[in-house]
Amino acid sequence: MNIAGVIVPMVTPLNYDETVDMVALQACLKWVLQSGVQGILVGGSMGEYPNLDERERIKALEKTCETVEARTILIANISDTTERKVLHNMSLVRDFPVHAYIVTPPFYFTHSQQELQGFFLRIADQADRPVFLYNIPEFVGNKLSAAFVLSLAQHPQIAGIKDSSGDFAQLSTIVFERPENFLVFQGDTEASLPALLLGCDGLISGLSNVLPDKFVQLFSLVRAQNIEEARMLQKFINQVNRVFAQYGFLAATKYALSSLGLCLPYVTKPFLEISEEGKKAIRKVLRVCMGDEAGEGRC
């Protein structure tokens, strides 16, 4: 695979009963696609993937496939708690026009490196399309070391990694020592610019659901070697990201998209919807982003 740029880990807009709001999902997809993003990740952390039942996951994937253009890269999350469940998820996704799968280590139980290596190799052996590793130890509980990733990178079906570990030393080792065609995407929003300067192929940031054009711009600035302007943009992105994180990132993102008229602010329980204080802070951020006081328009 040859991918470079911004891939958006899409939110899953919900109705009150936690079913997928299909109309809102289409609106959110069109919102990010018009900014020129390279691809969509369906079912990541921002999509509340572990909290959705199988039927809703498939509905979201189906609507995404219907909405995006053929040139848009689609990556489907098939992660689960066991190898058997991951392979089952792969079988459900196989008939959809996705370009690659992405897989975390099994979550809930911790596993040895030997167990994880066998898990990923067997998944890759049975995959009918490229597989991305997803390193997010904060949520999964199993961390993928640089040496472990580089070992798996030798498998012809393992195409790359989304690294959300926040371990920049590990990221640099992977970038510098990876095989030629192994792709590395940064998932830590506030390290976007350093990661691109290091040599990462692109960004997969939750905040790109709200500010897709800012991340596309950041990637373009680095490609054009306009580093000073890229530094200022990264500073702005960091400021916005910290406001969202302060009030619960998922809830803040859903509320921001709701304020833009794209979806309802519902999140899967037990997540709480954003507080009134948080709503005011998010509206203020959006006004700054859009350069007006109306609270309406395009970031």
Protein backbone atom coordinates (compact mmCIF):
# COMPACT_ATOMS: atom_id res chain seq x y z
CA MET A 1 0.00 0.00 0.00
CA ASN A 2 1.02 3.58 -0.61
CA ILE A 3 -0.85 6.05 1.60
CA ALA A 4 0.24 9.46 2.80
CA GLY A 5 -1.80 12.21 4.38
CA VAL A 6 -4.68 12.58 6.81
CA ILE A 7 -6.93 9.66 7.70
CA VAL A 8 -9.93 10.58 9.85
CA PRO A 9 -10.93 8.14 12.62
CA MET A 10 -14.64 8.80 12.14
CA VAL A 11 -17.05 9.38 14.96
CA THR A 12 -20.22 7.31 14.96
CA PRO A 13 -23.21 9.68 15.22
CA LEU A 14 -25.87 8.13 17.41
CA ASN A 15 -29.56 8.31 18.11
CA TYR A 16 -30.73 8.42 21.74
CA ASP A 17 -31.05 4.61 21.79
CA GLU A 18 -27.40 4.25 20.65
CA THR A 19 -28.27 3.09 17.15
CA VAL A 20 -26.31 4.70 14.33
CA ASP A 21 -27.78 7.94 12.97
CA MET A 22 -27.25 7.18 9.29
CA VAL A 23 -28.19 10.64 8.00
CA ALA A 24 -25.83 12.30 10.45
CA LEU A 25 -23.03 9.86 9.61
CA GLN A 26 -23.33 10.79 5.95
CA ALA A 27 -23.22 14.49 6.87
CA CYS A 28 -20.12 14.01 9.02
CA LEU A 29 -18.41 12.06 6.25
CA LYS A 30 -19.14 14.77 3.70
CA TRP A 31 -17.82 17.37 6.15
CA VAL A 32 -14.40 15.73 6.41
CA LEU A 33 -14.17 14.56 2.79
CA GLN A 34 -14.64 18.06 1.38
CA SER A 35 -11.41 19.08 3.12
CA GLY A 36 -9.36 16.69 1.02
CA VAL A 37 -8.51 14.04 3.60
CA GLN A 38 -6.83 10.93 2.24
CA GLY A 39 -8.90 8.31 4.02
CA ILE A 40 -11.37 7.20 6.67
CA LEU A 41 -10.83 4.81 9.56
CA VAL A 42 -14.13 3.15 10.44
CA GLY A 43 -14.56 1.90 13.99
CA GLY A 44 -11.67 3.44 15.87
CA SER A 45 -11.75 4.82 19.39
CA MET A 46 -13.52 7.95 18.14
CA GLY A 47 -16.15 5.70 16.58
CA GLU A 48 -16.83 4.15 20.01
CA TYR A 49 -16.18 0.78 18.37
CA PRO A 50 -15.96 -1.37 21.54
CA ASN A 51 -19.28 0.03 22.80
CA LEU A 52 -21.32 -0.70 19.67
CA ASP A 53 -22.97 -4.01 18.95
CA GLU A 54 -22.12 -5.92 15.80
CA ARG A 55 -25.18 -4.80 13.88
CA GLU A 56 -24.47 -1.10 14.44
CA ARG A 57 -20.81 -1.50 13.50
CA ILE A 58 -21.78 -3.05 10.18
CA LYS A 59 -24.43 -0.39 9.52
CA ALA A 60 -21.84 2.34 10.04
CA LEU A 61 -19.39 0.62 7.71
CA GLU A 62 -22.05 0.10 5.05
CA LYS A 63 -23.11 3.76 5.08
CA THR A 64 -19.47 4.85 4.96
CA CYS A 65 -18.80 2.68 1.91
CA GLU A 66 -21.89 4.13 0.21
CA THR A 67 -20.84 7.72 0.91
CA VAL A 68 -17.12 7.95 0.19
CA GLU A 69 -15.59 8.32 -3.24
CA ALA A 70 -13.71 5.42 -4.81
CA ARG A 71 -10.37 7.19 -4.37
CA THR A 72 -10.83 7.49 -0.58
CA ILE A 73 -8.82 4.98 1.43
CA LEU A 74 -11.02 2.98 3.82
CA ILE A 75 -9.57 1.17 6.82
CA ALA A 76 -11.88 -1.00 8.95
CA ASN A 77 -11.22 -1.84 12.58
CA ILE A 78 -11.72 -5.55 13.31
CA SER A 79 -10.25 -5.61 16.83
CA ASP A 80 -11.68 -7.74 19.62
CA THR A 81 -10.83 -9.64 22.79
CA THR A 82 -9.79 -12.93 21.17
CA GLU A 83 -8.28 -14.18 17.93
CA ARG A 84 -11.46 -16.06 17.07
CA LYS A 85 -13.55 -12.90 17.41
CA VAL A 86 -11.12 -10.87 15.29
CA LEU A 87 -11.32 -13.45 12.51
CA HIS A 88 -15.11 -13.37 12.80
CA ASN A 89 -15.05 -9.57 12.45
CA MET A 90 -12.82 -9.94 9.41
CA SER A 91 -15.35 -12.28 7.82
CA LEU A 92 -18.11 -9.69 8.36
CA VAL A 93 -16.09 -6.92 6.72
CA ARG A 94 -14.61 -8.97 3.88
CA ASP A 95 -17.37 -8.22 1.36
CA PHE A 96 -17.11 -4.44 1.82
CA PRO A 97 -14.79 -2.36 -0.40
CA VAL A 98 -12.29 -1.53 2.34
CA HIS A 99 -8.62 -1.25 1.49
CA ALA A 100 -7.18 -2.53 4.77
CA TYR A 101 -7.93 -3.81 8.26
CA ILE A 102 -6.60 -2.36 11.50
CA VAL A 103 -6.16 -4.46 14.64
CA THR A 104 -5.22 -3.69 18.24
CA PRO A 105 -3.80 -6.34 20.53
CA PRO A 106 -6.60 -8.29 22.23
CA PHE A 107 -8.03 -6.13 25.00
CA TYR A 108 -9.06 -6.89 28.60
CA PHE A 109 -6.48 -9.60 29.40
CA THR A 110 -2.76 -8.83 29.27
CA HIS A 111 -0.67 -11.09 27.05
CA SER A 112 2.97 -12.03 26.65
CA GLN A 113 4.95 -10.87 23.63
CA GLN A 114 4.98 -14.47 22.41
CA GLU A 115 1.18 -14.64 22.59
CA LEU A 116 0.80 -11.31 20.81
CA GLN A 117 3.25 -12.27 18.08
CA GLY A 118 1.34 -15.47 17.36
CA PHE A 119 -1.92 -13.54 17.38
CA PHE A 120 -0.84 -10.92 14.83
CA LEU A 121 0.96 -13.39 12.56
CA ARG A 122 -2.05 -15.70 12.38
CA ILE A 123 -4.37 -12.75 11.67
CA ALA A 124 -2.04 -11.55 8.91
CA ASP A 125 -1.76 -15.05 7.45
CA GLN A 126 -5.54 -15.23 7.07
CA ALA A 127 -6.12 -11.64 5.94
CA ASP A 128 -7.24 -11.09 2.36
CA ARG A 129 -5.97 -7.49 2.36
CA PRO A 130 -3.32 -5.44 4.18
CA VAL A 131 -3.34 -5.24 7.98
CA PHE A 132 -2.36 -2.23 10.09
CA LEU A 133 -1.25 -2.63 13.69
CA TYR A 134 -2.94 -0.30 16.17
CA ASN A 135 -0.81 0.52 19.20
CA ILE A 136 -2.97 2.17 21.85
CA PRO A 137 -1.83 0.73 25.21
CA GLU A 138 -3.73 3.30 27.27
CA PHE A 139 -7.03 1.70 26.24
CA VAL A 140 -5.99 -1.86 25.36
CA GLY A 141 -3.56 -2.72 28.14
CA ASN A 142 -1.06 -4.46 25.85
CA LYS A 143 1.80 -2.39 24.42
CA LEU A 144 3.63 -3.10 21.18
CA SER A 145 7.35 -2.38 21.58
CA ALA A 146 9.44 -1.02 18.71
CA ALA A 147 11.33 -4.29 18.38
CA PHE A 148 8.05 -6.20 18.30
CA VAL A 149 6.58 -3.93 15.61
CA LEU A 150 9.72 -4.13 13.47
CA SER A 151 9.61 -7.91 13.68
CA LEU A 152 5.98 -8.01 12.52
CA ALA A 153 6.76 -5.47 9.79
CA GLN A 154 8.60 -8.21 7.92
CA HIS A 155 5.30 -9.99 7.22
CA PRO A 156 4.17 -9.17 3.66
CA GLN A 157 0.56 -8.61 4.71
CA ILE A 158 1.32 -6.22 7.59
CA ALA A 159 1.31 -2.81 5.94
CA GLY A 160 1.89 -0.37 8.78
CA ILE A 161 0.93 0.95 12.18
CA LYS A 162 -1.15 3.62 13.82
CA ASP A 163 0.83 4.57 16.92
CA SER A 164 -1.15 6.25 19.69
CA SER A 165 1.25 5.26 22.47
CA GLY A 166 2.64 8.76 23.00
CA ASP A 167 6.12 7.19 23.16
CA PHE A 168 8.09 9.36 20.75
CA ALA A 169 11.37 7.52 21.28
CA GLN A 170 9.68 4.29 20.25
CA LEU A 171 8.05 5.99 17.28
CA SER A 172 11.40 7.29 16.06
CA THR A 173 12.92 3.81 16.26
CA ILE A 174 10.10 2.39 14.16
CA VAL A 175 10.33 5.19 11.58
CA PHE A 176 14.11 4.93 11.22
CA GLU A 177 14.38 1.13 11.16
CA ARG A 178 11.19 0.06 9.34
CA PRO A 179 11.17 -1.78 6.01
CA GLU A 180 10.78 0.47 2.99
CA ASN A 181 7.05 -0.09 2.42
CA PHE A 182 5.95 -0.15 6.07
CA LEU A 183 3.69 2.86 6.79
CA VAL A 184 3.66 4.77 10.07
CA PHE A 185 0.76 7.01 11.12
CA GLN A 186 0.76 9.19 14.21
CA GLY A 187 -2.30 9.07 16.45
CA ASP A 188 -1.13 11.55 19.10
CA THR A 189 -2.68 14.87 18.04
CA GLU A 190 -0.25 17.15 19.85
CA ALA A 191 2.74 15.34 18.33
CA SER A 192 1.46 15.66 14.76
CA LEU A 193 4.09 18.10 13.51
CA PRO A 194 7.06 16.40 15.22
CA ALA A 195 5.89 13.06 13.83
CA LEU A 196 5.67 14.39 10.28
CA LEU A 197 9.11 15.99 10.58
CA LEU A 198 10.42 12.67 11.87
CA GLY A 199 9.20 10.95 8.72
CA CYS A 200 5.75 9.56 9.54
CA ASP A 201 3.53 9.01 6.52
CA GLY A 202 0.47 10.72 7.93
CA LEU A 203 -1.89 11.53 10.78
CA ILE A 204 -4.90 9.80 12.31
CA SER A 205 -6.23 12.30 14.84
CA GLY A 206 -9.60 12.35 16.58
CA LEU A 207 -9.70 16.14 16.32
CA SER A 208 -9.70 15.86 12.52
CA ASN A 209 -13.41 15.05 12.78
CA VAL A 210 -13.96 18.70 13.69
CA LEU A 211 -10.97 20.39 12.04
CA PRO A 212 -10.21 18.23 8.99
CA ASP A 213 -8.93 21.16 6.96
CA LYS A 214 -6.41 22.13 9.66
CA PHE A 215 -4.80 18.69 9.55
CA VAL A 216 -4.74 18.64 5.76
CA GLN A 217 -3.16 22.08 5.88
CA LEU A 218 -0.57 20.93 8.43
CA PHE A 219 0.41 17.97 6.27
CA SER A 220 0.67 20.23 3.20
CA LEU A 221 2.79 22.80 5.03
CA VAL A 222 5.29 20.14 6.06
CA ARG A 223 5.42 18.77 2.53
CA ALA A 224 6.11 22.32 1.30
CA GLN A 225 8.77 22.76 4.03
CA ASN A 226 6.92 25.77 5.43
CA ILE A 227 7.88 24.82 8.95
CA GLU A 228 7.29 28.12 10.74
CA GLU A 229 3.67 28.29 9.59
CA ALA A 230 3.28 24.62 10.46
CA ARG A 231 4.56 25.36 13.99
CA MET A 232 1.93 28.05 14.48
CA LEU A 233 -0.80 25.75 13.21
CA GLN A 234 0.34 22.95 15.54
CA LYS A 235 0.22 25.41 18.44
CA PHE A 236 -3.38 26.26 17.56
CA ILE A 237 -4.30 22.56 17.21
CA ASN A 238 -2.79 21.87 20.64
CA GLN A 239 -4.84 24.64 22.23
CA VAL A 240 -8.06 23.29 20.75
CA ASN A 241 -7.17 19.72 21.65
CA ARG A 242 -6.62 20.61 25.31
CA VAL A 243 -10.03 22.26 25.58
CA PHE A 244 -11.68 19.15 24.14
CA ALA A 245 -9.70 16.87 26.45
CA GLN A 246 -10.63 18.93 29.50
CA TYR A 247 -14.34 18.22 29.03
CA GLY A 248 -14.18 14.60 27.82
CA PHE A 249 -12.87 14.21 24.29
CA LEU A 250 -15.65 12.07 22.84
CA ALA A 251 -18.44 14.16 24.32
CA ALA A 252 -16.71 17.40 23.32
CA THR A 253 -16.25 16.18 19.76
CA LYS A 254 -19.87 15.10 19.44
CA TYR A 255 -21.03 18.44 20.85
CA ALA A 256 -18.79 20.38 18.46
CA LEU A 257 -20.19 18.45 15.50
CA SER A 258 -23.69 19.04 16.86
CA SER A 259 -22.95 22.78 17.04
CA LEU A 260 -21.94 22.62 13.38
CA GLY A 261 -25.31 21.06 12.56
CA LEU A 262 -23.88 17.66 11.64
CA CYS A 263 -25.09 15.25 14.33
CA LEU A 264 -26.67 14.91 17.75
CA PRO A 265 -24.37 15.03 20.80
CA TYR A 266 -25.17 11.52 22.08
CA VAL A 267 -22.35 9.26 23.27
CA THR A 268 -22.53 5.63 24.36
CA LYS A 269 -23.18 5.14 28.06
CA PRO A 270 -21.63 5.23 30.59
CA PHE A 271 -19.97 8.25 28.92
CA LEU A 272 -21.63 11.46 30.02
CA GLU A 273 -22.67 14.21 27.65
CA ILE A 274 -20.68 17.39 27.95
CA SER A 275 -21.35 19.80 30.84
CA GLU A 276 -22.79 23.28 30.38
CA GLU A 277 -19.38 24.73 31.17
CA GLY A 278 -17.89 22.49 28.50
CA LYS A 279 -20.49 23.54 25.95
CA LYS A 280 -19.58 27.19 26.45
CA ALA A 281 -15.88 26.39 26.05
CA ILE A 282 -16.45 24.40 22.86
CA ARG A 283 -18.66 27.10 21.36
CA LYS A 284 -15.94 29.65 22.11
CA VAL A 285 -13.33 27.47 20.41
CA LEU A 286 -15.54 27.08 17.35
CA ARG A 287 -16.07 30.84 17.12
CA VAL A 288 -12.31 31.39 17.21
CA CYS A 289 -11.83 28.65 14.64
CA MET A 290 -14.38 30.14 12.27
CA GLY A 291 -13.37 33.73 12.87
CA ASP A 292 -16.86 34.93 13.76
CA GLU A 293 -19.25 35.25 16.68
CA ALA A 294 -22.22 33.51 15.08
CA GLY A 295 -21.23 29.98 15.98
CA GLU A 296 -22.09 28.85 12.48
CA GLY A 297 -20.03 28.14 9.41
CA ARG A 298 -16.92 26.31 8.34
CA CYS A 299 -13.77 25.89 10.43
